[in-house]
Amino acid sequence: MGIGSSIFLIALGAILAFAVDANLGWLSLNTVGWVLMLAGLVGLIMTAYFWNTRRRTAVVAAPQDRVVRERVVPVQDDRVVQEYREVRRPGV
C-alpha cells in the first residue's frame, strides 16, 4: 500500500466516521469509518518503514580504474616490456 492509498483510506474513513449520519440497520458506518482510518494509518506507517529501510542500504562503489586482464610480458632484445591498460566507464 502506498502513501496515496493510505491517505485515501484515512480520508474516506474520517468521512464515514464523522460526516455521514446514516442508519443501515446491521452495518454501522461509524465503525466502518474507524476501521478504514486504522487500516490507512497502519498502511502509512508500514510504507514509511519500508521506505526508510530501503534508504539505509549501503552501496559499495566499484573502483573507477581497474585492470581488465594481465597480459603476457613480451621480451624484446633482452628487455622486458610491460603493458598496462586502464578501462574507464564512459562519462567518468
PDB file of N, CA and C in Angstrom:
ATOM      1  N   MET A   1       0.853  -1.157   0.000  1.00  0.00           N
ATOM      2  CA  MET A   1       0.000   0.000   0.000  1.00  0.00           C
ATOM      3  C   MET A   1       0.904   1.227   0.000  1.00  0.00           C
ATOM      4  N   GLY A   2       0.622   2.170  -0.858  1.00  0.00           N
ATOM      5  CA  GLY A   2       1.440   3.367  -0.948  1.00  0.00           C
ATOM      6  C   GLY A   2       0.917   4.488  -0.072  1.00  0.00           C
ATOM      7  N   ILE A   3       1.624   5.604  -0.137  1.00  0.00           N
ATOM      8  CA  ILE A   3       1.246   6.758   0.667  1.00  0.00           C
ATOM      9  C   ILE A   3      -0.111   7.294   0.220  1.00  0.00           C
ATOM     10  N   GLY A   4      -0.323   7.361  -1.100  1.00  0.00           N
ATOM     11  CA  GLY A   4      -1.572   7.902  -1.613  1.00  0.00           C
ATOM     12  C   GLY A   4      -2.788   7.089  -1.212  1.00  0.00           C
ATOM     13  N   SER A   5      -2.688   5.776  -1.334  1.00  0.00           N
ATOM     14  CA  SER A   5      -3.830   4.939  -0.956  1.00  0.00           C
ATOM     15  C   SER A   5      -4.060   4.944   0.556  1.00  0.00           C
ATOM     16  N   SER A   6      -3.006   5.080   1.345  1.00  0.00           N
ATOM     17  CA  SER A   6      -3.169   5.165   2.800  1.00  0.00           C
ATOM     18  C   SER A   6      -3.894   6.449   3.191  1.00  0.00           C
ATOM     19  N   ILE A   7      -3.491   7.548   2.577  1.00  0.00           N
ATOM     20  CA  ILE A   7      -4.166   8.819   2.873  1.00  0.00           C
ATOM     21  C   ILE A   7      -5.608   8.779   2.394  1.00  0.00           C
ATOM     22  N   PHE A   8      -5.862   8.130   1.256  1.00  0.00           N
ATOM     23  CA  PHE A   8      -7.237   7.994   0.772  1.00  0.00           C
ATOM     24  C   PHE A   8      -8.086   7.204   1.766  1.00  0.00           C
ATOM     25  N   LEU A   9      -7.560   6.106   2.291  1.00  0.00           N
ATOM     26  CA  LEU A   9      -8.315   5.323   3.268  1.00  0.00           C
ATOM     27  C   LEU A   9      -8.582   6.111   4.553  1.00  0.00           C
ATOM     28  N   ILE A  10      -7.596   6.883   4.985  1.00  0.00           N
ATOM     29  CA  ILE A  10      -7.793   7.697   6.188  1.00  0.00           C
ATOM     30  C   ILE A  10      -8.881   8.739   5.936  1.00  0.00           C
ATOM     31  N   ALA A  11      -8.844   9.395   4.781  1.00  0.00           N
ATOM     32  CA  ALA A  11      -9.851  10.418   4.471  1.00  0.00           C
ATOM     33  C   ALA A  11     -11.237   9.808   4.326  1.00  0.00           C
ATOM     34  N   LEU A  12     -11.334   8.684   3.638  1.00  0.00           N
ATOM     35  CA  LEU A  12     -12.628   8.018   3.467  1.00  0.00           C
ATOM     36  C   LEU A  12     -13.182   7.553   4.807  1.00  0.00           C
ATOM     37  N   GLY A  13     -12.318   7.015   5.641  1.00  0.00           N
ATOM     38  CA  GLY A  13     -12.739   6.590   6.968  1.00  0.00           C
ATOM     39  C   GLY A  13     -13.204   7.752   7.821  1.00  0.00           C
ATOM     40  N   ALA A  14     -12.513   8.888   7.727  1.00  0.00           N
ATOM     41  CA  ALA A  14     -12.925  10.061   8.500  1.00  0.00           C
ATOM     42  C   ALA A  14     -14.275  10.582   8.025  1.00  0.00           C
ATOM     43  N   ILE A  15     -14.498  10.547   6.723  1.00  0.00           N
ATOM     44  CA  ILE A  15     -15.802  10.973   6.194  1.00  0.00           C
ATOM     45  C   ILE A  15     -16.899  10.062   6.703  1.00  0.00           C
ATOM     46  N   LEU A  16     -16.666   8.755   6.641  1.00  0.00           N
ATOM     47  CA  LEU A  16     -17.691   7.813   7.103  1.00  0.00           C
ATOM     48  C   LEU A  16     -17.911   7.899   8.614  1.00  0.00           C
ATOM     49  N   ALA A  17     -16.846   8.136   9.365  1.00  0.00           N
ATOM     50  CA  ALA A  17     -16.964   8.142  10.826  1.00  0.00           C
ATOM     51  C   ALA A  17     -17.571   9.438  11.359  1.00  0.00           C
ATOM     52  N   PHE A  18     -17.236  10.557  10.735  1.00  0.00           N
ATOM     53  CA  PHE A  18     -17.628  11.839  11.321  1.00  0.00           C
ATOM     54  C   PHE A  18     -18.704  12.592  10.531  1.00  0.00           C
ATOM     55  N   ALA A  19     -18.788  12.411   9.225  1.00  0.00           N
ATOM     56  CA  ALA A  19     -19.676  13.253   8.419  1.00  0.00           C
ATOM     57  C   ALA A  19     -20.967  12.561   8.001  1.00  0.00           C
ATOM     58  N   VAL A  20     -20.957  11.260   7.859  1.00  0.00           N
ATOM     59  CA  VAL A  20     -22.141  10.550   7.382  1.00  0.00           C
ATOM     60  C   VAL A  20     -22.978  10.122   8.582  1.00  0.00           C
ATOM     61  N   ASP A  21     -24.250  10.474   8.496  1.00  0.00           N
ATOM     62  CA  ASP A  21     -25.171  10.089   9.570  1.00  0.00           C
ATOM     63  C   ASP A  21     -26.295   9.262   8.950  1.00  0.00           C
ATOM     64  N   ALA A  22     -25.976   8.018   8.627  1.00  0.00           N
ATOM     65  CA  ALA A  22     -26.973   7.139   8.018  1.00  0.00           C
ATOM     66  C   ALA A  22     -27.091   5.880   8.861  1.00  0.00           C
ATOM     67  N   ASN A  23     -28.269   5.299   8.850  1.00  0.00           N
ATOM     68  CA  ASN A  23     -28.505   4.087   9.613  1.00  0.00           C
ATOM     69  C   ASN A  23     -28.869   2.977   8.634  1.00  0.00           C
ATOM     70  N   LEU A  24     -27.996   1.985   8.520  1.00  0.00           N
ATOM     71  CA  LEU A  24     -28.240   0.867   7.614  1.00  0.00           C
ATOM     72  C   LEU A  24     -28.746  -0.365   8.356  1.00  0.00           C
ATOM     73  N   GLY A  25     -29.009  -0.247   9.590  1.00  0.00           N
ATOM     74  CA  GLY A  25     -29.521  -1.373  10.363  1.00  0.00           C
ATOM     75  C   GLY A  25     -28.410  -2.253  10.885  1.00  0.00           C
ATOM     76  N   TRP A  26     -27.965  -3.188  10.101  1.00  0.00           N
ATOM     77  CA  TRP A  26     -26.973  -4.156  10.536  1.00  0.00           C
ATOM     78  C   TRP A  26     -25.550  -3.658  10.371  1.00  0.00           C
ATOM     79  N   LEU A  27     -25.324  -2.534   9.654  1.00  0.00           N
ATOM     80  CA  LEU A  27     -23.977  -2.024   9.392  1.00  0.00           C
ATOM     81  C   LEU A  27     -23.823  -0.635   9.992  1.00  0.00           C
ATOM     82  N   SER A  28     -22.866  -0.477  10.840  1.00  0.00           N
ATOM     83  CA  SER A  28     -22.580   0.824  11.448  1.00  0.00           C
ATOM     84  C   SER A  28     -21.498   1.519  10.627  1.00  0.00           C
ATOM     85  N   LEU A  29     -21.868   2.626   9.980  1.00  0.00           N
ATOM     86  CA  LEU A  29     -20.891   3.359   9.162  1.00  0.00           C
ATOM     87  C   LEU A  29     -19.815   4.018  10.018  1.00  0.00           C
ATOM     88  N   ASN A  30     -20.132   4.321  11.261  1.00  0.00           N
ATOM     89  CA  ASN A  30     -19.102   4.866  12.152  1.00  0.00           C
ATOM     90  C   ASN A  30     -17.987   3.847  12.386  1.00  0.00           C
ATOM     91  N   THR A  31     -18.367   2.606  12.620  1.00  0.00           N
ATOM     92  CA  THR A  31     -17.370   1.546  12.835  1.00  0.00           C
ATOM     93  C   THR A  31     -16.565   1.291  11.568  1.00  0.00           C
ATOM     94  N   VAL A  32     -17.231   1.283  10.416  1.00  0.00           N
ATOM     95  CA  VAL A  32     -16.525   1.096   9.144  1.00  0.00           C
ATOM     96  C   VAL A  32     -15.529   2.225   8.927  1.00  0.00           C
ATOM     97  N   GLY A  33     -15.927   3.442   9.262  1.00  0.00           N
ATOM     98  CA  GLY A  33     -15.019   4.581   9.134  1.00  0.00           C
ATOM     99  C   GLY A  33     -13.796   4.454  10.012  1.00  0.00           C
ATOM    100  N   TRP A  34     -14.001   4.052  11.257  1.00  0.00           N
ATOM    101  CA  TRP A  34     -12.858   3.874  12.158  1.00  0.00           C
ATOM    102  C   TRP A  34     -11.935   2.757  11.684  1.00  0.00           C
ATOM    103  N   VAL A  35     -12.500   1.682  11.155  1.00  0.00           N
ATOM    104  CA  VAL A  35     -11.680   0.571  10.645  1.00  0.00           C
ATOM    105  C   VAL A  35     -10.870   1.029   9.439  1.00  0.00           C
ATOM    106  N   LEU A  36     -11.496   1.820   8.548  1.00  0.00           N
ATOM    107  CA  LEU A  36     -10.763   2.323   7.383  1.00  0.00           C
ATOM    108  C   LEU A  36      -9.650   3.286   7.798  1.00  0.00           C
ATOM    109  N   MET A  37      -9.917   4.133   8.766  1.00  0.00           N
ATOM    110  CA  MET A  37      -8.867   5.040   9.244  1.00  0.00           C
ATOM    111  C   MET A  37      -7.717   4.265   9.873  1.00  0.00           C
ATOM    112  N   LEU A  38      -8.028   3.224  10.630  1.00  0.00           N
ATOM    113  CA  LEU A  38      -6.972   2.406  11.239  1.00  0.00           C
ATOM    114  C   LEU A  38      -6.157   1.680  10.172  1.00  0.00           C
ATOM    115  N   ALA A  39      -6.834   1.132   9.161  1.00  0.00           N
ATOM    116  CA  ALA A  39      -6.117   0.445   8.080  1.00  0.00           C
ATOM    117  C   ALA A  39      -5.234   1.418   7.304  1.00  0.00           C
ATOM    118  N   GLY A  40      -5.728   2.625   7.059  1.00  0.00           N
ATOM    119  CA  GLY A  40      -4.913   3.633   6.378  1.00  0.00           C
ATOM    120  C   GLY A  40      -3.711   4.047   7.194  1.00  0.00           C
ATOM    121  N   LEU A  41      -3.889   4.180   8.499  1.00  0.00           N
ATOM    122  CA  LEU A  41      -2.776   4.552   9.375  1.00  0.00           C
ATOM    123  C   LEU A  41      -1.718   3.447   9.420  1.00  0.00           C
ATOM    124  N   VAL A  42      -2.159   2.205   9.519  1.00  0.00           N
ATOM    125  CA  VAL A  42      -1.210   1.075   9.516  1.00  0.00           C
ATOM    126  C   VAL A  42      -0.471   1.018   8.176  1.00  0.00           C
ATOM    127  N   GLY A  43      -1.193   1.222   7.079  1.00  0.00           N
ATOM    128  CA  GLY A  43      -0.550   1.231   5.763  1.00  0.00           C
ATOM    129  C   GLY A  43       0.451   2.358   5.623  1.00  0.00           C
ATOM    130  N   LEU A  44       0.134   3.525   6.155  1.00  0.00           N
ATOM    131  CA  LEU A  44       1.046   4.665   6.096  1.00  0.00           C
ATOM    132  C   LEU A  44       2.305   4.406   6.913  1.00  0.00           C
ATOM    133  N   ILE A  45       2.151   3.825   8.088  1.00  0.00           N
ATOM    134  CA  ILE A  45       3.316   3.516   8.938  1.00  0.00           C
ATOM    135  C   ILE A  45       4.193   2.453   8.271  1.00  0.00           C
ATOM    136  N   MET A  46       3.566   1.428   7.699  1.00  0.00           N
ATOM    137  CA  MET A  46       4.356   0.377   7.043  1.00  0.00           C
ATOM    138  C   MET A  46       5.074   0.913   5.808  1.00  0.00           C
ATOM    139  N   THR A  47       4.424   1.765   5.038  1.00  0.00           N
ATOM    140  CA  THR A  47       5.064   2.353   3.864  1.00  0.00           C
ATOM    141  C   THR A  47       6.260   3.200   4.284  1.00  0.00           C
ATOM    142  N   ALA A  48       6.100   4.014   5.316  1.00  0.00           N
ATOM    143  CA  ALA A  48       7.211   4.835   5.793  1.00  0.00           C
ATOM    144  C   ALA A  48       8.353   3.961   6.311  1.00  0.00           C
ATOM    145  N   TYR A  49       8.025   2.870   6.986  1.00  0.00           N
ATOM    146  CA  TYR A  49       9.065   1.970   7.500  1.00  0.00           C
ATOM    147  C   TYR A  49       9.852   1.327   6.354  1.00  0.00           C
ATOM    148  N   PHE A  50       9.140   0.822   5.332  1.00  0.00           N
ATOM    149  CA  PHE A  50       9.844   0.176   4.229  1.00  0.00           C
ATOM    150  C   PHE A  50      10.639   1.165   3.394  1.00  0.00           C
ATOM    151  N   TRP A  51      10.161   2.393   3.256  1.00  0.00           N
ATOM    152  CA  TRP A  51      10.936   3.405   2.543  1.00  0.00           C
ATOM    153  C   TRP A  51      12.194   3.746   3.322  1.00  0.00           C
ATOM    154  N   ASN A  52      12.096   3.777   4.644  1.00  0.00           N
ATOM    155  CA  ASN A  52      13.243   4.109   5.466  1.00  0.00           C
ATOM    156  C   ASN A  52      14.296   3.003   5.418  1.00  0.00           C
ATOM    157  N   THR A  53      13.885   1.741   5.434  1.00  0.00           N
ATOM    158  CA  THR A  53      14.869   0.661   5.376  1.00  0.00           C
ATOM    159  C   THR A  53      15.502   0.576   4.001  1.00  0.00           C
ATOM    160  N   ARG A  54      14.793   0.968   2.969  1.00  0.00           N
ATOM    161  CA  ARG A  54      15.373   0.937   1.626  1.00  0.00           C
ATOM    162  C   ARG A  54      16.468   1.972   1.485  1.00  0.00           C
ATOM    163  N   ARG A  55      16.335   3.110   2.162  1.00  0.00           N
ATOM    164  CA  ARG A  55      17.336   4.169   2.063  1.00  0.00           C
ATOM    165  C   ARG A  55      18.582   3.866   2.870  1.00  0.00           C
ATOM    166  N   ARG A  56      18.503   2.970   3.832  1.00  0.00           N
ATOM    167  CA  ARG A  56      19.655   2.649   4.670  1.00  0.00           C
ATOM    168  C   ARG A  56      20.599   1.655   4.021  1.00  0.00           C
ATOM    169  N   THR A  57      20.241   1.102   2.878  1.00  0.00           N
ATOM    170  CA  THR A  57      21.072   0.103   2.243  1.00  0.00           C
ATOM    171  C   THR A  57      22.374   0.739   1.766  1.00  0.00           C
ATOM    172  N   ALA A  58      23.475   0.153   2.126  1.00  0.00           N
ATOM    173  CA  ALA A  58      24.775   0.676   1.744  1.00  0.00           C
ATOM    174  C   ALA A  58      25.143   0.169   0.360  1.00  0.00           C
ATOM    175  N   VAL A  59      25.660   1.070  -0.450  1.00  0.00           N
ATOM    176  CA  VAL A  59      26.094   0.717  -1.795  1.00  0.00           C
ATOM    177  C   VAL A  59      27.598   0.869  -1.834  1.00  0.00           C
ATOM    178  N   VAL A  60      28.268  -0.196  -2.183  1.00  0.00           N
ATOM    179  CA  VAL A  60      29.714  -0.171  -2.275  1.00  0.00           C
ATOM    180  C   VAL A  60      30.080   0.103  -3.728  1.00  0.00           C
ATOM    181  N   ALA A  61      30.738   1.210  -3.952  1.00  0.00           N
ATOM    182  CA  ALA A  61      31.090   1.598  -5.317  1.00  0.00           C
ATOM    183  C   ALA A  61      32.312   0.820  -5.779  1.00  0.00           C
ATOM    184  N   ALA A  62      32.282   0.476  -7.048  1.00  0.00           N
ATOM    185  CA  ALA A  62      33.423  -0.220  -7.646  1.00  0.00           C
ATOM    186  C   ALA A  62      34.524   0.799  -7.920  1.00  0.00           C
ATOM    187  N   PRO A  63      35.772   0.360  -7.928  1.00  0.00           N
ATOM    188  CA  PRO A  63      36.858   1.298  -8.236  1.00  0.00           C
ATOM    189  C   PRO A  63      36.719   1.826  -9.664  1.00  0.00           C
ATOM    190  N   GLN A  64      37.124   3.062  -9.866  1.00  0.00           N
ATOM    191  CA  GLN A  64      36.982   3.688 -11.177  1.00  0.00           C
ATOM    192  C   GLN A  64      37.920   3.053 -12.212  1.00  0.00           C
ATOM    193  N   ASP A  65      39.122   2.778 -11.808  1.00  0.00           N
ATOM    194  CA  ASP A  65      40.105   2.209 -12.730  1.00  0.00           C
ATOM    195  C   ASP A  65      40.428   0.790 -12.289  1.00  0.00           C
ATOM    196  N   ARG A  66      40.461  -0.082 -13.258  1.00  0.00           N
ATOM    197  CA  ARG A  66      40.819  -1.452 -12.918  1.00  0.00           C
ATOM    198  C   ARG A  66      41.481  -2.103 -14.121  1.00  0.00           C
ATOM    199  N   VAL A  67      42.318  -3.047 -13.854  1.00  0.00           N
ATOM    200  CA  VAL A  67      42.997  -3.787 -14.910  1.00  0.00           C
ATOM    201  C   VAL A  67      42.073  -4.899 -15.356  1.00  0.00           C
ATOM    202  N   VAL A  68      41.857  -4.982 -16.665  1.00  0.00           N
ATOM    203  CA  VAL A  68      40.935  -5.977 -17.180  1.00  0.00           C
ATOM    204  C   VAL A  68      41.562  -7.361 -17.149  1.00  0.00           C
ATOM    205  N   ARG A  69      42.757  -7.472 -17.659  1.00  0.00           N
ATOM    206  CA  ARG A  69      43.401  -8.779 -17.725  1.00  0.00           C
ATOM    207  C   ARG A  69      44.912  -8.605 -17.717  1.00  0.00           C
ATOM    208  N   GLU A  70      45.560  -9.458 -17.017  1.00  0.00           N
ATOM    209  CA  GLU A  70      47.022  -9.445 -17.029  1.00  0.00           C
ATOM    210  C   GLU A  70      47.490 -10.002 -18.360  1.00  0.00           C
ATOM    211  N   ARG A  71      48.376  -9.292 -18.998  1.00  0.00           N
ATOM    212  CA  ARG A  71      48.882  -9.745 -20.296  1.00  0.00           C
ATOM    213  C   ARG A  71      50.231 -10.445 -20.131  1.00  0.00           C
ATOM    214  N   VAL A  72      50.549 -11.250 -21.077  1.00  0.00           N
ATOM    215  CA  VAL A  72      51.849 -11.910 -21.108  1.00  0.00           C
ATOM    216  C   VAL A  72      52.896 -10.846 -21.457  1.00  0.00           C
ATOM    217  N   VAL A  73      53.984 -10.872 -20.725  1.00  0.00           N
ATOM    218  CA  VAL A  73      55.027  -9.866 -20.930  1.00  0.00           C
ATOM    219  C   VAL A  73      55.950 -10.327 -22.051  1.00  0.00           C
ATOM    220  N   PRO A  74      55.922  -9.593 -23.173  1.00  0.00           N
ATOM    221  CA  PRO A  74      56.825  -9.995 -24.273  1.00  0.00           C
ATOM    222  C   PRO A  74      58.267  -9.559 -23.972  1.00  0.00           C
ATOM    223  N   VAL A  75      59.205 -10.298 -24.483  1.00  0.00           N
ATOM    224  CA  VAL A  75      60.620  -9.998 -24.290  1.00  0.00           C
ATOM    225  C   VAL A  75      61.200  -9.580 -25.635  1.00  0.00           C
ATOM    226  N   GLN A  76      61.834  -8.379 -25.667  1.00  0.00           N
ATOM    227  CA  GLN A  76      62.459  -7.895 -26.893  1.00  0.00           C
ATOM    228  C   GLN A  76      63.904  -7.507 -26.584  1.00  0.00           C
ATOM    229  N   ASP A  77      64.810  -8.152 -27.250  1.00  0.00           N
ATOM    230  CA  ASP A  77      66.240  -7.842 -27.129  1.00  0.00           C
ATOM    231  C   ASP A  77      66.677  -7.786 -25.671  1.00  0.00           C
ATOM    232  N   ASP A  78      66.336  -8.783 -24.921  1.00  0.00           N
ATOM    233  CA  ASP A  78      66.684  -8.896 -23.519  1.00  0.00           C
ATOM    234  C   ASP A  78      66.126  -7.760 -22.657  1.00  0.00           C
ATOM    235  N   ARG A  79      65.095  -7.061 -23.178  1.00  0.00           N
ATOM    236  CA  ARG A  79      64.421  -6.044 -22.380  1.00  0.00           C
ATOM    237  C   ARG A  79      63.004  -6.534 -22.069  1.00  0.00           C
ATOM    238  N   VAL A  80      62.556  -6.236 -20.932  1.00  0.00           N
ATOM    239  CA  VAL A  80      61.199  -6.606 -20.555  1.00  0.00           C
ATOM    240  C   VAL A  80      60.283  -5.419 -20.852  1.00  0.00           C
ATOM    241  N   VAL A  81      59.256  -5.679 -21.651  1.00  0.00           N
ATOM    242  CA  VAL A  81      58.287  -4.628 -21.984  1.00  0.00           C
ATOM    243  C   VAL A  81      56.983  -4.965 -21.261  1.00  0.00           C
ATOM    244  N   GLN A  82      56.529  -4.029 -20.465  1.00  0.00           N
ATOM    245  CA  GLN A  82      55.284  -4.253 -19.752  1.00  0.00           C
ATOM    246  C   GLN A  82      54.190  -3.361 -20.343  1.00  0.00           C
ATOM    247  N   GLU A  83      53.019  -3.930 -20.426  1.00  0.00           N
ATOM    248  CA  GLU A  83      51.890  -3.179 -20.959  1.00  0.00           C
ATOM    249  C   GLU A  83      50.821  -3.078 -19.865  1.00  0.00           C
ATOM    250  N   TYR A  84      50.305  -1.882 -19.700  1.00  0.00           N
ATOM    251  CA  TYR A  84      49.279  -1.640 -18.699  1.00  0.00           C
ATOM    252  C   TYR A  84      48.091  -0.970 -19.388  1.00  0.00           C
ATOM    253  N   ARG A  85      46.913  -1.499 -19.181  1.00  0.00           N
ATOM    254  CA  ARG A  85      45.724  -0.940 -19.822  1.00  0.00           C
ATOM    255  C   ARG A  85      44.701  -0.593 -18.761  1.00  0.00           C
ATOM    256  N   GLU A  86      44.183   0.638 -18.837  1.00  0.00           N
ATOM    257  CA  GLU A  86      43.135   1.067 -17.929  1.00  0.00           C
ATOM    258  C   GLU A  86      41.821   1.120 -18.696  1.00  0.00           C
ATOM    259  N   VAL A  87      40.799   0.636 -18.046  1.00  0.00           N
ATOM    260  CA  VAL A  87      39.465   0.693 -18.636  1.00  0.00           C
ATOM    261  C   VAL A  87      38.625   1.591 -17.765  1.00  0.00           C
ATOM    262  N   ARG A  88      38.057   2.615 -18.360  1.00  0.00           N
ATOM    263  CA  ARG A  88      37.222   3.559 -17.624  1.00  0.00           C
ATOM    264  C   ARG A  88      35.806   3.507 -18.143  1.00  0.00           C
ATOM    265  N   ARG A  89      34.883   3.757 -17.246  1.00  0.00           N
ATOM    266  CA  ARG A  89      33.488   3.829 -17.657  1.00  0.00           C
ATOM    267  C   ARG A  89      33.237   5.088 -18.458  1.00  0.00           C
ATOM    268  N   PRO A  90      32.348   5.041 -19.431  1.00  0.00           N
ATOM    269  CA  PRO A  90      32.045   6.265 -20.201  1.00  0.00           C
ATOM    270  C   PRO A  90      31.480   7.346 -19.299  1.00  0.00           C
ATOM    271  N   GLY A  91      31.910   8.568 -19.550  1.00  0.00           N
ATOM    272  CA  GLY A  91      31.404   9.685 -18.786  1.00  0.00           C
ATOM    273  C   GLY A  91      32.130   9.938 -17.481  1.00  0.00           C
ATOM    274  N   VAL A  92      33.195   9.190 -17.203  1.00  0.00           N
ATOM    275  CA  VAL A  92      33.925   9.387 -15.942  1.00  0.00           C
ATOM    276  C   VAL A  92      35.201  10.136 -16.232  1.00  0.00           C
TER     277      VAL A  92
END
